[in-house]
Amino acid sequence: MNAGKPSPQSPIPFYRCAGPNCGTLKGSTDRWWLMWTSFGELNRPVLYLCPWDEEVAQREGTLHVCGELCAQRLQSQFMGNVRDNQTRRAGG
């Protein structure tokens, strides 16, 4: 039994920005954002953006974003992918 001894700490995760051609590592005081996609209630692709939250950051599929520029680039990619998929489904 380890009475009185502190429990071993889990390793602190590190995060790298998912922005295109970025890869910046998150520091402890950075004000990062989180993005993820879902198919949503309306049966349509949806892009979510929220301020940093450690619990959300650790969820599978979450993109870690260092700032506004990388968030905008990822949003642009998402929008392009949605339009490309719509065009392919329409046969054109």
PDB file of N, CA and C in Angstrom:
ATOM      1  N   MET A   1       0.837  -1.179   0.000  1.00  0.00           N
ATOM      2  CA  MET A   1       0.000   0.000   0.000  1.00  0.00           C
ATOM      3  C   MET A   1       0.881   1.240   0.000  1.00  0.00           C
ATOM      4  N   ASN A   2       0.451   2.316  -0.660  1.00  0.00           N
ATOM      5  CA  ASN A   2       1.239   3.535  -0.777  1.00  0.00           C
ATOM      6  C   ASN A   2       0.677   4.658   0.078  1.00  0.00           C
ATOM      7  N   ALA A   3       0.256   4.356   1.271  1.00  0.00           N
ATOM      8  CA  ALA A   3      -0.330   5.381   2.133  1.00  0.00           C
ATOM      9  C   ALA A   3       0.675   6.496   2.362  1.00  0.00           C
ATOM     10  N   GLY A   4       0.232   7.721   2.150  1.00  0.00           N
ATOM     11  CA  GLY A   4       1.084   8.875   2.402  1.00  0.00           C
ATOM     12  C   GLY A   4       1.978   9.257   1.239  1.00  0.00           C
ATOM     13  N   LYS A   5       2.101   8.407   0.239  1.00  0.00           N
ATOM     14  CA  LYS A   5       2.945   8.728  -0.907  1.00  0.00           C
ATOM     15  C   LYS A   5       2.074   9.276  -2.034  1.00  0.00           C
ATOM     16  N   PRO A   6       2.573  10.283  -2.747  1.00  0.00           N
ATOM     17  CA  PRO A   6       1.790  10.803  -3.878  1.00  0.00           C
ATOM     18  C   PRO A   6       1.713   9.771  -4.995  1.00  0.00           C
ATOM     19  N   SER A   7       0.580   9.767  -5.682  1.00  0.00           N
ATOM     20  CA  SER A   7       0.431   8.836  -6.802  1.00  0.00           C
ATOM     21  C   SER A   7       1.270   9.331  -7.972  1.00  0.00           C
ATOM     22  N   PRO A   8       1.738   8.406  -8.791  1.00  0.00           N
ATOM     23  CA  PRO A   8       2.544   8.821  -9.941  1.00  0.00           C
ATOM     24  C   PRO A   8       1.710   9.699 -10.872  1.00  0.00           C
ATOM     25  N   GLN A   9       2.330  10.738 -11.360  1.00  0.00           N
ATOM     26  CA  GLN A   9       1.650  11.659 -12.274  1.00  0.00           C
ATOM     27  C   GLN A   9       1.599  11.052 -13.668  1.00  0.00           C
ATOM     28  N   SER A  10       0.498  11.284 -14.345  1.00  0.00           N
ATOM     29  CA  SER A  10       0.408  10.895 -15.745  1.00  0.00           C
ATOM     30  C   SER A  10       1.316  11.822 -16.534  1.00  0.00           C
ATOM     31  N   PRO A  11       1.895  11.321 -17.616  1.00  0.00           N
ATOM     32  CA  PRO A  11       2.732  12.221 -18.420  1.00  0.00           C
ATOM     33  C   PRO A  11       1.884  13.365 -18.958  1.00  0.00           C
ATOM     34  N   ILE A  12       2.460  14.541 -19.004  1.00  0.00           N
ATOM     35  CA  ILE A  12       1.757  15.716 -19.515  1.00  0.00           C
ATOM     36  C   ILE A  12       1.751  15.622 -21.041  1.00  0.00           C
ATOM     37  N   PRO A  13       0.561  15.637 -21.641  1.00  0.00           N
ATOM     38  CA  PRO A  13       0.515  15.531 -23.102  1.00  0.00           C
ATOM     39  C   PRO A  13       1.056  16.797 -23.753  1.00  0.00           C
ATOM     40  N   PHE A  14       1.641  16.652 -24.922  1.00  0.00           N
ATOM     41  CA  PHE A  14       2.041  17.838 -25.671  1.00  0.00           C
ATOM     42  C   PHE A  14       1.187  17.896 -26.928  1.00  0.00           C
ATOM     43  N   TYR A  15       0.963  19.098 -27.384  1.00  0.00           N
ATOM     44  CA  TYR A  15       0.081  19.309 -28.520  1.00  0.00           C
ATOM     45  C   TYR A  15       0.817  20.083 -29.601  1.00  0.00           C
ATOM     46  N   ARG A  16       0.548  19.713 -30.841  1.00  0.00           N
ATOM     47  CA  ARG A  16       1.133  20.373 -32.005  1.00  0.00           C
ATOM     48  C   ARG A  16      -0.012  20.941 -32.840  1.00  0.00           C
ATOM     49  N   CYS A  17       0.156  22.158 -33.334  1.00  0.00           N
ATOM     50  CA  CYS A  17      -0.888  22.802 -34.132  1.00  0.00           C
ATOM     51  C   CYS A  17      -1.159  21.999 -35.400  1.00  0.00           C
ATOM     52  N   ALA A  18      -2.452  21.806 -35.693  1.00  0.00           N
ATOM     53  CA  ALA A  18      -2.883  21.057 -36.871  1.00  0.00           C
ATOM     54  C   ALA A  18      -3.003  21.941 -38.103  1.00  0.00           C
ATOM     55  N   GLY A  19      -2.711  23.222 -37.962  1.00  0.00           N
ATOM     56  CA  GLY A  19      -2.808  24.123 -39.105  1.00  0.00           C
ATOM     57  C   GLY A  19      -1.868  23.717 -40.223  1.00  0.00           C
ATOM     58  N   PRO A  20      -2.285  23.921 -41.475  1.00  0.00           N
ATOM     59  CA  PRO A  20      -1.448  23.545 -42.614  1.00  0.00           C
ATOM     60  C   PRO A  20      -0.068  24.202 -42.540  1.00  0.00           C
ATOM     61  N   ASN A  21       0.962  23.381 -42.633  1.00  0.00           N
ATOM     62  CA  ASN A  21       2.357  23.839 -42.610  1.00  0.00           C
ATOM     63  C   ASN A  21       2.728  24.604 -41.342  1.00  0.00           C
ATOM     64  N   CYS A  22       2.095  24.309 -40.214  1.00  0.00           N
ATOM     65  CA  CYS A  22       2.403  24.999 -38.959  1.00  0.00           C
ATOM     66  C   CYS A  22       3.228  24.089 -38.051  1.00  0.00           C
ATOM     67  N   GLY A  23       2.567  23.254 -37.258  1.00  0.00           N
ATOM     68  CA  GLY A  23       3.272  22.326 -36.389  1.00  0.00           C
ATOM     69  C   GLY A  23       3.840  22.921 -35.115  1.00  0.00           C
ATOM     70  N   THR A  24       3.458  24.149 -34.770  1.00  0.00           N
ATOM     71  CA  THR A  24       3.936  24.783 -33.544  1.00  0.00           C
ATOM     72  C   THR A  24       3.531  23.956 -32.335  1.00  0.00           C
ATOM     73  N   LEU A  25       4.437  23.815 -31.375  1.00  0.00           N
ATOM     74  CA  LEU A  25       4.121  23.116 -30.124  1.00  0.00           C
ATOM     75  C   LEU A  25       3.447  24.075 -29.152  1.00  0.00           C
ATOM     76  N   LYS A  26       2.437  23.581 -28.444  1.00  0.00           N
ATOM     77  CA  LYS A  26       1.711  24.408 -27.472  1.00  0.00           C
ATOM     78  C   LYS A  26       2.539  24.594 -26.212  1.00  0.00           C
ATOM     79  N   GLY A  27       2.633  25.833 -25.769  1.00  0.00           N
ATOM     80  CA  GLY A  27       3.253  26.150 -24.491  1.00  0.00           C
ATOM     81  C   GLY A  27       2.203  26.199 -23.403  1.00  0.00           C
ATOM     82  N   SER A  28       2.633  26.345 -22.168  1.00  0.00           N
ATOM     83  CA  SER A  28       1.690  26.308 -21.044  1.00  0.00           C
ATOM     84  C   SER A  28       0.811  27.548 -20.967  1.00  0.00           C
ATOM     85  N   THR A  29       1.236  28.670 -21.521  1.00  0.00           N
ATOM     86  CA  THR A  29       0.440  29.893 -21.417  1.00  0.00           C
ATOM     87  C   THR A  29      -0.225  30.301 -22.723  1.00  0.00           C
ATOM     88  N   ASP A  30      -0.078  29.481 -23.763  1.00  0.00           N
ATOM     89  CA  ASP A  30      -0.678  29.814 -25.050  1.00  0.00           C
ATOM     90  C   ASP A  30      -2.197  29.769 -24.964  1.00  0.00           C
ATOM     91  N   ARG A  31      -2.832  30.626 -25.729  1.00  0.00           N
ATOM     92  CA  ARG A  31      -4.300  30.651 -25.792  1.00  0.00           C
ATOM     93  C   ARG A  31      -4.747  30.022 -27.090  1.00  0.00           C
ATOM     94  N   TRP A  32      -4.761  28.721 -27.103  1.00  0.00           N
ATOM     95  CA  TRP A  32      -5.085  27.971 -28.298  1.00  0.00           C
ATOM     96  C   TRP A  32      -6.584  27.713 -28.405  1.00  0.00           C
ATOM     97  N   TRP A  33      -6.962  27.181 -29.563  1.00  0.00           N
ATOM     98  CA  TRP A  33      -8.340  26.839 -29.875  1.00  0.00           C
ATOM     99  C   TRP A  33      -8.415  25.372 -30.253  1.00  0.00           C
ATOM    100  N   LEU A  34      -9.616  24.858 -30.262  1.00  0.00           N
ATOM    101  CA  LEU A  34      -9.863  23.466 -30.633  1.00  0.00           C
ATOM    102  C   LEU A  34     -10.925  23.429 -31.724  1.00  0.00           C
ATOM    103  N   MET A  35     -10.735  22.518 -32.675  1.00  0.00           N
ATOM    104  CA  MET A  35     -11.689  22.353 -33.766  1.00  0.00           C
ATOM    105  C   MET A  35     -11.958  20.866 -33.950  1.00  0.00           C
ATOM    106  N   TRP A  36     -13.182  20.548 -34.361  1.00  0.00           N
ATOM    107  CA  TRP A  36     -13.528  19.167 -34.706  1.00  0.00           C
ATOM    108  C   TRP A  36     -14.733  19.206 -35.617  1.00  0.00           C
ATOM    109  N   THR A  37     -14.947  18.106 -36.291  1.00  0.00           N
ATOM    110  CA  THR A  37     -16.081  18.022 -37.206  1.00  0.00           C
ATOM    111  C   THR A  37     -17.043  16.935 -36.746  1.00  0.00           C
ATOM    112  N   SER A  38     -18.260  17.054 -37.229  1.00  0.00           N
ATOM    113  CA  SER A  38     -19.296  16.075 -36.943  1.00  0.00           C
ATOM    114  C   SER A  38     -20.273  16.114 -38.106  1.00  0.00           C
ATOM    115  N   PHE A  39     -21.123  15.122 -38.165  1.00  0.00           N
ATOM    116  CA  PHE A  39     -22.133  15.139 -39.211  1.00  0.00           C
ATOM    117  C   PHE A  39     -23.373  15.905 -38.769  1.00  0.00           C
ATOM    118  N   GLY A  40     -23.492  16.203 -37.489  1.00  0.00           N
ATOM    119  CA  GLY A  40     -24.520  17.103 -37.005  1.00  0.00           C
ATOM    120  C   GLY A  40     -25.938  16.585 -37.034  1.00  0.00           C
ATOM    121  N   GLU A  41     -26.797  17.328 -36.354  1.00  0.00           N
ATOM    122  CA  GLU A  41     -28.210  16.968 -36.228  1.00  0.00           C
ATOM    123  C   GLU A  41     -28.976  17.069 -37.544  1.00  0.00           C
ATOM    124  N   LEU A  42     -28.544  17.944 -38.422  1.00  0.00           N
ATOM    125  CA  LEU A  42     -29.272  18.179 -39.667  1.00  0.00           C
ATOM    126  C   LEU A  42     -28.781  17.295 -40.803  1.00  0.00           C
ATOM    127  N   ASN A  43     -28.013  16.257 -40.454  1.00  0.00           N
ATOM    128  CA  ASN A  43     -27.489  15.332 -41.450  1.00  0.00           C
ATOM    129  C   ASN A  43     -26.592  16.055 -42.454  1.00  0.00           C
ATOM    130  N   ARG A  44     -25.823  17.004 -41.950  1.00  0.00           N
ATOM    131  CA  ARG A  44     -24.895  17.796 -42.746  1.00  0.00           C
ATOM    132  C   ARG A  44     -23.580  17.914 -41.989  1.00  0.00           C
ATOM    133  N   PRO A  45     -22.459  18.058 -42.715  1.00  0.00           N
ATOM    134  CA  PRO A  45     -21.178  18.236 -42.030  1.00  0.00           C
ATOM    135  C   PRO A  45     -21.149  19.563 -41.267  1.00  0.00           C
ATOM    136  N   VAL A  46     -20.611  19.514 -40.052  1.00  0.00           N
ATOM    137  CA  VAL A  46     -20.552  20.687 -39.183  1.00  0.00           C
ATOM    138  C   VAL A  46     -19.128  20.815 -38.655  1.00  0.00           C
ATOM    139  N   LEU A  47     -18.623  22.040 -38.600  1.00  0.00           N
ATOM    140  CA  LEU A  47     -17.308  22.327 -38.041  1.00  0.00           C
ATOM    141  C   LEU A  47     -17.502  23.071 -36.727  1.00  0.00           C
ATOM    142  N   TYR A  48     -16.854  22.582 -35.671  1.00  0.00           N
ATOM    143  CA  TYR A  48     -16.954  23.200 -34.353  1.00  0.00           C
ATOM    144  C   TYR A  48     -15.635  23.874 -34.003  1.00  0.00           C
ATOM    145  N   LEU A  49     -15.721  24.978 -33.273  1.00  0.00           N
ATOM    146  CA  LEU A  49     -14.560  25.725 -32.797  1.00  0.00           C
ATOM    147  C   LEU A  49     -14.840  26.152 -31.370  1.00  0.00           C
ATOM    148  N   CYS A  50     -13.896  25.902 -30.463  1.00  0.00           N
ATOM    149  CA  CYS A  50     -14.081  26.351 -29.081  1.00  0.00           C
ATOM    150  C   CYS A  50     -12.739  26.743 -28.487  1.00  0.00           C
ATOM    151  N   PRO A  51     -12.755  27.587 -27.455  1.00  0.00           N
ATOM    152  CA  PRO A  51     -11.513  27.914 -26.758  1.00  0.00           C
ATOM    153  C   PRO A  51     -10.924  26.649 -26.133  1.00  0.00           C
ATOM    154  N   TRP A  52      -9.659  26.682 -25.812  1.00  0.00           N
ATOM    155  CA  TRP A  52      -8.950  25.534 -25.267  1.00  0.00           C
ATOM    156  C   TRP A  52      -9.636  24.979 -24.027  1.00  0.00           C
ATOM    157  N   ASP A  53      -9.807  23.674 -24.015  1.00  0.00           N
ATOM    158  CA  ASP A  53     -10.334  22.940 -22.873  1.00  0.00           C
ATOM    159  C   ASP A  53      -9.595  21.604 -22.861  1.00  0.00           C
ATOM    160  N   GLU A  54      -8.920  21.300 -21.775  1.00  0.00           N
ATOM    161  CA  GLU A  54      -8.061  20.115 -21.714  1.00  0.00           C
ATOM    162  C   GLU A  54      -8.831  18.824 -22.000  1.00  0.00           C
ATOM    163  N   GLU A  55     -10.048  18.728 -21.486  1.00  0.00           N
ATOM    164  CA  GLU A  55     -10.850  17.516 -21.717  1.00  0.00           C
ATOM    165  C   GLU A  55     -11.170  17.348 -23.195  1.00  0.00           C
ATOM    166  N   VAL A  56     -11.600  18.422 -23.839  1.00  0.00           N
ATOM    167  CA  VAL A  56     -11.914  18.375 -25.265  1.00  0.00           C
ATOM    168  C   VAL A  56     -10.640  18.116 -26.071  1.00  0.00           C
ATOM    169  N   ALA A  57      -9.529  18.697 -25.650  1.00  0.00           N
ATOM    170  CA  ALA A  57      -8.255  18.546 -26.366  1.00  0.00           C
ATOM    171  C   ALA A  57      -7.819  17.094 -26.462  1.00  0.00           C
ATOM    172  N   GLN A  58      -8.194  16.286 -25.479  1.00  0.00           N
ATOM    173  CA  GLN A  58      -7.759  14.894 -25.449  1.00  0.00           C
ATOM    174  C   GLN A  58      -8.698  13.946 -26.196  1.00  0.00           C
ATOM    175  N   ARG A  59      -9.815  14.458 -26.676  1.00  0.00           N
ATOM    176  CA  ARG A  59     -10.763  13.611 -27.411  1.00  0.00           C
ATOM    177  C   ARG A  59     -10.231  13.285 -28.800  1.00  0.00           C
ATOM    178  N   GLU A  60     -10.513  12.054 -29.231  1.00  0.00           N
ATOM    179  CA  GLU A  60     -10.099  11.627 -30.554  1.00  0.00           C
ATOM    180  C   GLU A  60     -10.761  12.500 -31.613  1.00  0.00           C
ATOM    181  N   GLY A  61     -10.001  12.904 -32.607  1.00  0.00           N
ATOM    182  CA  GLY A  61     -10.530  13.699 -33.708  1.00  0.00           C
ATOM    183  C   GLY A  61     -10.447  15.198 -33.492  1.00  0.00           C
ATOM    184  N   THR A  62     -10.038  15.643 -32.307  1.00  0.00           N
ATOM    185  CA  THR A  62      -9.928  17.069 -32.038  1.00  0.00           C
ATOM    186  C   THR A  62      -8.654  17.616 -32.666  1.00  0.00           C
ATOM    187  N   LEU A  63      -8.776  18.753 -33.337  1.00  0.00           N
ATOM    188  CA  LEU A  63      -7.621  19.435 -33.916  1.00  0.00           C
ATOM    189  C   LEU A  63      -7.197  20.553 -32.976  1.00  0.00           C
ATOM    190  N   HIS A  64      -5.914  20.655 -32.702  1.00  0.00           N
ATOM    191  CA  HIS A  64      -5.365  21.671 -31.810  1.00  0.00           C
ATOM    192  C   HIS A  64      -4.843  22.801 -32.685  1.00  0.00           C
ATOM    193  N   VAL A  65      -5.287  24.020 -32.414  1.00  0.00           N
ATOM    194  CA  VAL A  65      -5.029  25.140 -33.310  1.00  0.00           C
ATOM    195  C   VAL A  65      -4.387  26.297 -32.546  1.00  0.00           C
ATOM    196  N   CYS A  66      -3.237  26.778 -33.055  1.00  0.00           N
ATOM    197  CA  CYS A  66      -2.452  27.782 -32.330  1.00  0.00           C
ATOM    198  C   CYS A  66      -3.028  29.187 -32.403  1.00  0.00           C
ATOM    199  N   GLY A  67      -3.870  29.463 -33.366  1.00  0.00           N
ATOM    200  CA  GLY A  67      -4.399  30.821 -33.449  1.00  0.00           C
ATOM    201  C   GLY A  67      -5.356  31.007 -34.612  1.00  0.00           C
ATOM    202  N   GLU A  68      -5.705  32.265 -34.836  1.00  0.00           N
ATOM    203  CA  GLU A  68      -6.726  32.623 -35.817  1.00  0.00           C
ATOM    204  C   GLU A  68      -6.349  32.222 -37.237  1.00  0.00           C
ATOM    205  N   LEU A  69      -5.110  32.460 -37.633  1.00  0.00           N
ATOM    206  CA  LEU A  69      -4.707  32.155 -39.005  1.00  0.00           C
ATOM    207  C   LEU A  69      -4.818  30.661 -39.301  1.00  0.00           C
ATOM    208  N   CYS A  70      -4.325  29.829 -38.397  1.00  0.00           N
ATOM    209  CA  CYS A  70      -4.427  28.383 -38.616  1.00  0.00           C
ATOM    210  C   CYS A  70      -5.874  27.918 -38.566  1.00  0.00           C
ATOM    211  N   ALA A  71      -6.689  28.517 -37.702  1.00  0.00           N
ATOM    212  CA  ALA A  71      -8.111  28.167 -37.645  1.00  0.00           C
ATOM    213  C   ALA A  71      -8.785  28.528 -38.969  1.00  0.00           C
ATOM    214  N   GLN A  72      -8.443  29.689 -39.532  1.00  0.00           N
ATOM    215  CA  GLN A  72      -9.028  30.097 -40.804  1.00  0.00           C
ATOM    216  C   GLN A  72      -8.613  29.165 -41.933  1.00  0.00           C
ATOM    217  N   ARG A  73      -7.363  28.733 -41.921  1.00  0.00           N
ATOM    218  CA  ARG A  73      -6.888  27.809 -42.959  1.00  0.00           C
ATOM    219  C   ARG A  73      -7.606  26.466 -42.865  1.00  0.00           C
ATOM    220  N   LEU A  74      -7.788  25.964 -41.650  1.00  0.00           N
ATOM    221  CA  LEU A  74      -8.503  24.701 -41.471  1.00  0.00           C
ATOM    222  C   LEU A  74      -9.970  24.836 -41.859  1.00  0.00           C
ATOM    223  N   GLN A  75     -10.572  25.991 -41.541  1.00  0.00           N
ATOM    224  CA  GLN A  75     -11.961  26.236 -41.940  1.00  0.00           C
ATOM    225  C   GLN A  75     -12.064  26.251 -43.463  1.00  0.00           C
ATOM    226  N   SER A  76     -11.118  26.875 -44.115  1.00  0.00           N
ATOM    227  CA  SER A  76     -11.121  26.927 -45.576  1.00  0.00           C
ATOM    228  C   SER A  76     -10.997  25.531 -46.175  1.00  0.00           C
ATOM    229  N   GLN A  77     -10.125  24.700 -45.604  1.00  0.00           N
ATOM    230  CA  GLN A  77     -10.002  23.316 -46.076  1.00  0.00           C
ATOM    231  C   GLN A  77     -11.314  22.557 -45.903  1.00  0.00           C
ATOM    232  N   PHE A  78     -11.935  22.721 -44.738  1.00  0.00           N
ATOM    233  CA  PHE A  78     -13.209  22.055 -44.457  1.00  0.00           C
ATOM    234  C   PHE A  78     -14.249  22.462 -45.494  1.00  0.00           C
ATOM    235  N   MET A  79     -14.371  23.770 -45.736  1.00  0.00           N
ATOM    236  CA  MET A  79     -15.362  24.264 -46.685  1.00  0.00           C
ATOM    237  C   MET A  79     -15.087  23.733 -48.094  1.00  0.00           C
ATOM    238  N   GLY A  80     -13.819  23.704 -48.493  1.00  0.00           N
ATOM    239  CA  GLY A  80     -13.462  23.174 -49.807  1.00  0.00           C
ATOM    240  C   GLY A  80     -13.793  21.700 -49.926  1.00  0.00           C
ATOM    241  N   ASN A  81     -13.504  20.937 -48.875  1.00  0.00           N
ATOM    242  CA  ASN A  81     -13.805  19.502 -48.884  1.00  0.00           C
ATOM    243  C   ASN A  81     -15.303  19.241 -48.991  1.00  0.00           C
ATOM    244  N   VAL A  82     -16.098  20.034 -48.273  1.00  0.00           N
ATOM    245  CA  VAL A  82     -17.559  19.869 -48.332  1.00  0.00           C
ATOM    246  C   VAL A  82     -18.043  20.143 -49.749  1.00  0.00           C
ATOM    247  N   ARG A  83     -17.581  21.231 -50.356  1.00  0.00           N
ATOM    248  CA  ARG A  83     -18.014  21.576 -51.721  1.00  0.00           C
ATOM    249  C   ARG A  83     -17.561  20.515 -52.719  1.00  0.00           C
ATOM    250  N   ASP A  84     -16.313  20.038 -52.589  1.00  0.00           N
ATOM    251  CA  ASP A  84     -15.816  18.993 -53.501  1.00  0.00           C
ATOM    252  C   ASP A  84     -16.663  17.736 -53.405  1.00  0.00           C
ATOM    253  N   ASN A  85     -17.019  17.349 -52.201  1.00  0.00           N
ATOM    254  CA  ASN A  85     -17.848  16.149 -52.013  1.00  0.00           C
ATOM    255  C   ASN A  85     -19.246  16.345 -52.579  1.00  0.00           C
ATOM    256  N   GLN A  86     -19.799  17.543 -52.427  1.00  0.00           N
ATOM    257  CA  GLN A  86     -21.118  17.810 -53.002  1.00  0.00           C
ATOM    258  C   GLN A  86     -21.077  17.723 -54.517  1.00  0.00           C
ATOM    259  N   THR A  87     -20.005  18.247 -55.122  1.00  0.00           N
ATOM    260  CA  THR A  87     -19.855  18.217 -56.580  1.00  0.00           C
ATOM    261  C   THR A  87     -19.724  16.785 -57.069  1.00  0.00           C
ATOM    262  N   ARG A  88     -18.932  15.962 -56.353  1.00  0.00           N
ATOM    263  CA  ARG A  88     -18.755  14.555 -56.750  1.00  0.00           C
ATOM    264  C   ARG A  88     -20.075  13.794 -56.664  1.00  0.00           C
ATOM    265  N   ARG A  89     -20.846  14.046 -55.613  1.00  0.00           N
ATOM    266  CA  ARG A  89     -22.141  13.353 -55.460  1.00  0.00           C
ATOM    267  C   ARG A  89     -23.130  13.761 -56.544  1.00  0.00           C
ATOM    268  N   ALA A  90     -23.023  15.014 -56.991  1.00  0.00           N
ATOM    269  CA  ALA A  90     -23.932  15.506 -58.015  1.00  0.00           C
ATOM    270  C   ALA A  90     -23.524  15.008 -59.406  1.00  0.00           C
ATOM    271  N   GLY A  91     -22.343  14.379 -59.472  1.00  0.00           N
ATOM    272  CA  GLY A  91     -21.907  13.827 -60.756  1.00  0.00           C
ATOM    273  C   GLY A  91     -21.178  14.796 -61.642  1.00  0.00           C
ATOM    274  N   GLY A  92     -20.713  15.893 -61.073  1.00  0.00           N
ATOM    275  CA  GLY A  92     -20.083  16.854 -61.951  1.00  0.00           C
ATOM    276  C   GLY A  92     -18.821  17.302 -61.451  1.00  0.00           C
TER     277      GLY A  92
END
